[in-house]
């Protein structure tokens, strides 16, 4: 194996490990904060059934956003969208933590929904690109 092939393989492997680490950290953050979101929403005067409805709409919204985001990623590239997803996540969690009324909390839910669509699509597309390139052993 020549040094160029070895370097390309290690670059692809590093990218995959980085994507796995980012997804794991995001999963930890969501898992850590999720139990506090529903009581916070209820404390702000919103019914628990509305919480379920909002989360359902959030999941559907992320699903429908993935197709246009995927098309844009094919044109622009994966890495900018991974960074954008991280920034949107940050904004969503800041909105959660500062929520003193339901609208601010709702904006956090919308931002995290957009992040699911961006970051999830970008991460899986980048993993698929690396696997398809044959640079991963």
Protein backbone atom coordinates (compact mmCIF):
# COMPACT_ATOMS: atom_id res chain seq x y z
CA UNK A 1 0.00 0.00 0.00
CA UNK A 2 1.47 3.35 -0.96
CA UNK A 3 1.58 6.32 1.42
CA UNK A 4 -1.15 8.23 -0.47
CA UNK A 5 -3.60 5.34 -0.05
CA UNK A 6 -2.67 4.97 3.63
CA UNK A 7 -3.14 8.71 4.21
CA UNK A 8 -6.52 8.72 2.44
CA UNK A 9 -7.67 5.77 4.47
CA UNK A 10 -6.69 7.39 7.75
CA UNK A 11 -8.38 10.68 6.73
CA UNK A 12 -11.63 8.85 5.98
CA UNK A 13 -11.39 6.89 9.21
CA UNK A 14 -10.76 10.10 11.19
CA UNK A 15 -13.81 11.73 9.60
CA UNK A 16 -15.96 8.75 10.47
CA UNK A 17 -14.72 8.73 14.07
CA UNK A 18 -15.38 12.47 14.33
CA UNK A 19 -18.93 12.05 13.01
CA UNK A 20 -19.58 9.21 15.44
CA UNK A 21 -18.24 11.33 18.32
CA UNK A 22 -20.41 14.32 17.34
CA UNK A 23 -23.52 12.12 17.09
CA UNK A 24 -22.72 10.52 20.45
CA UNK A 25 -22.26 13.92 22.13
CA UNK A 26 -25.48 15.21 20.60
CA UNK A 27 -27.31 12.07 21.72
CA UNK A 28 -25.97 12.57 25.24
CA UNK A 29 -27.08 16.23 25.27
CA UNK A 30 -30.57 15.38 24.03
CA UNK A 31 -30.87 12.44 26.40
CA UNK A 32 -29.65 14.53 29.30
CA UNK A 33 -31.99 17.46 28.61
CA UNK A 34 -35.10 15.70 27.28
CA UNK A 35 -36.54 14.66 30.66
CA UNK A 36 -36.57 18.31 31.74
CA UNK A 37 -38.34 19.66 28.66
CA UNK A 38 -41.84 18.25 29.30
CA UNK A 39 -42.07 19.47 32.94
CA UNK A 40 -40.76 22.86 31.82
CA UNK A 41 -43.44 23.09 29.15
CA UNK A 42 -46.13 22.11 31.66
CA UNK A 43 -44.76 24.67 34.15
CA UNK A 44 -45.16 27.31 31.47
CA UNK A 45 -48.87 26.52 31.30
CA UNK A 46 -48.97 24.25 28.26
CA UNK A 47 -50.82 20.93 28.47
CA UNK A 48 -48.94 17.64 28.34
CA UNK A 49 -51.00 16.60 25.28
CA UNK A 50 -49.70 19.68 23.47
CA UNK A 51 -46.16 18.51 24.31
CA UNK A 52 -46.82 15.22 22.54
CA UNK A 53 -48.40 16.95 19.57
CA UNK A 54 -45.47 19.37 19.30
CA UNK A 55 -42.97 16.51 19.35
CA UNK A 56 -44.92 14.66 16.67
CA UNK A 57 -45.02 17.73 14.45
CA UNK A 58 -41.32 18.22 15.16
CA UNK A 59 -40.47 14.72 13.94
CA UNK A 60 -42.59 15.11 10.82
CA UNK A 61 -41.08 18.50 10.14
CA UNK A 62 -37.56 17.08 10.32
CA UNK A 63 -38.57 14.29 7.95
CA UNK A 64 -39.89 16.69 5.32
CA UNK A 65 -36.90 19.03 5.64
CA UNK A 66 -34.38 16.28 4.91
CA UNK A 67 -35.07 16.04 1.18
CA UNK A 68 -34.38 19.71 0.29
CA UNK A 69 -31.45 19.76 2.72
CA UNK A 70 -30.00 16.68 1.01
CA UNK A 71 -30.28 18.35 -2.40
CA UNK A 72 -28.56 21.48 -1.07
CA UNK A 73 -25.80 19.33 0.47
CA UNK A 74 -25.13 17.66 -2.84
CA UNK A 75 -24.56 21.10 -4.36
CA UNK A 76 -22.66 22.80 -1.53
CA UNK A 77 -20.98 19.98 0.37
CA UNK A 78 -21.42 18.09 3.65
CA UNK A 79 -19.09 19.90 6.04
CA UNK A 80 -20.81 23.31 5.97
CA UNK A 81 -24.09 21.63 6.89
CA UNK A 82 -22.52 19.71 9.75
CA UNK A 83 -21.24 23.02 11.14
CA UNK A 84 -24.60 24.70 10.52
CA UNK A 85 -26.34 21.86 12.36
CA UNK A 86 -24.06 22.33 15.37
CA UNK A 87 -24.79 26.07 15.46
CA UNK A 88 -28.55 25.47 15.17
CA UNK A 89 -28.32 22.95 18.02
CA UNK A 90 -26.52 25.48 20.16
CA UNK A 91 -29.19 28.08 19.46
CA UNK A 92 -31.95 25.56 20.25
CA UNK A 93 -30.45 24.57 23.59
CA UNK A 94 -29.81 28.20 24.53
CA UNK A 95 -33.47 28.89 23.73
CA UNK A 96 -34.49 25.94 25.95
CA UNK A 97 -32.37 27.15 28.83
CA UNK A 98 -33.63 30.74 28.64
CA UNK A 99 -37.29 29.80 28.19
CA UNK A 100 -39.51 31.77 30.53
CA UNK A 101 -42.55 31.60 28.29
CA UNK A 102 -43.87 29.05 25.83
CA UNK A 103 -42.90 30.92 22.66
CA UNK A 104 -39.19 30.87 23.51
CA UNK A 105 -39.44 27.19 24.37
CA UNK A 106 -41.29 26.59 21.08
CA UNK A 107 -38.52 28.29 19.16
CA UNK A 108 -36.05 25.93 20.84
CA UNK A 109 -38.13 22.95 19.70
CA UNK A 110 -38.21 24.33 16.14
CA UNK A 111 -34.44 24.89 16.14
CA UNK A 112 -33.71 21.38 17.41
CA UNK A 113 -36.09 20.02 14.75
CA UNK A 114 -34.16 21.87 12.06
CA UNK A 115 -30.95 20.49 13.54
CA UNK A 116 -32.25 16.92 13.35
CA UNK A 117 -32.89 17.48 9.67
CA UNK A 118 -29.54 19.16 8.97
CA UNK A 119 -27.09 17.30 11.18
CA UNK A 120 -28.63 13.89 10.74
CA UNK A 121 -28.77 14.15 6.97
CA UNK A 122 -25.26 15.61 6.70
CA UNK A 123 -23.71 13.04 9.04
CA UNK A 124 -25.25 10.04 7.32
CA UNK A 125 -24.45 11.41 3.87
CA UNK A 126 -20.82 11.98 4.87
CA UNK A 127 -20.61 8.45 6.29
CA UNK A 128 -22.09 7.08 3.07
CA UNK A 129 -19.60 9.08 1.00
CA UNK A 130 -16.67 7.75 3.04
CA UNK A 131 -17.90 4.17 2.82
CA UNK A 132 -18.57 4.41 -0.90
CA UNK A 133 -15.11 5.85 -1.56
CA UNK A 134 -13.53 2.54 -0.57
CA UNK A 135 -11.12 4.33 1.76
CA UNK A 136 -12.53 2.67 4.85
CA UNK A 137 -11.10 -0.72 5.64
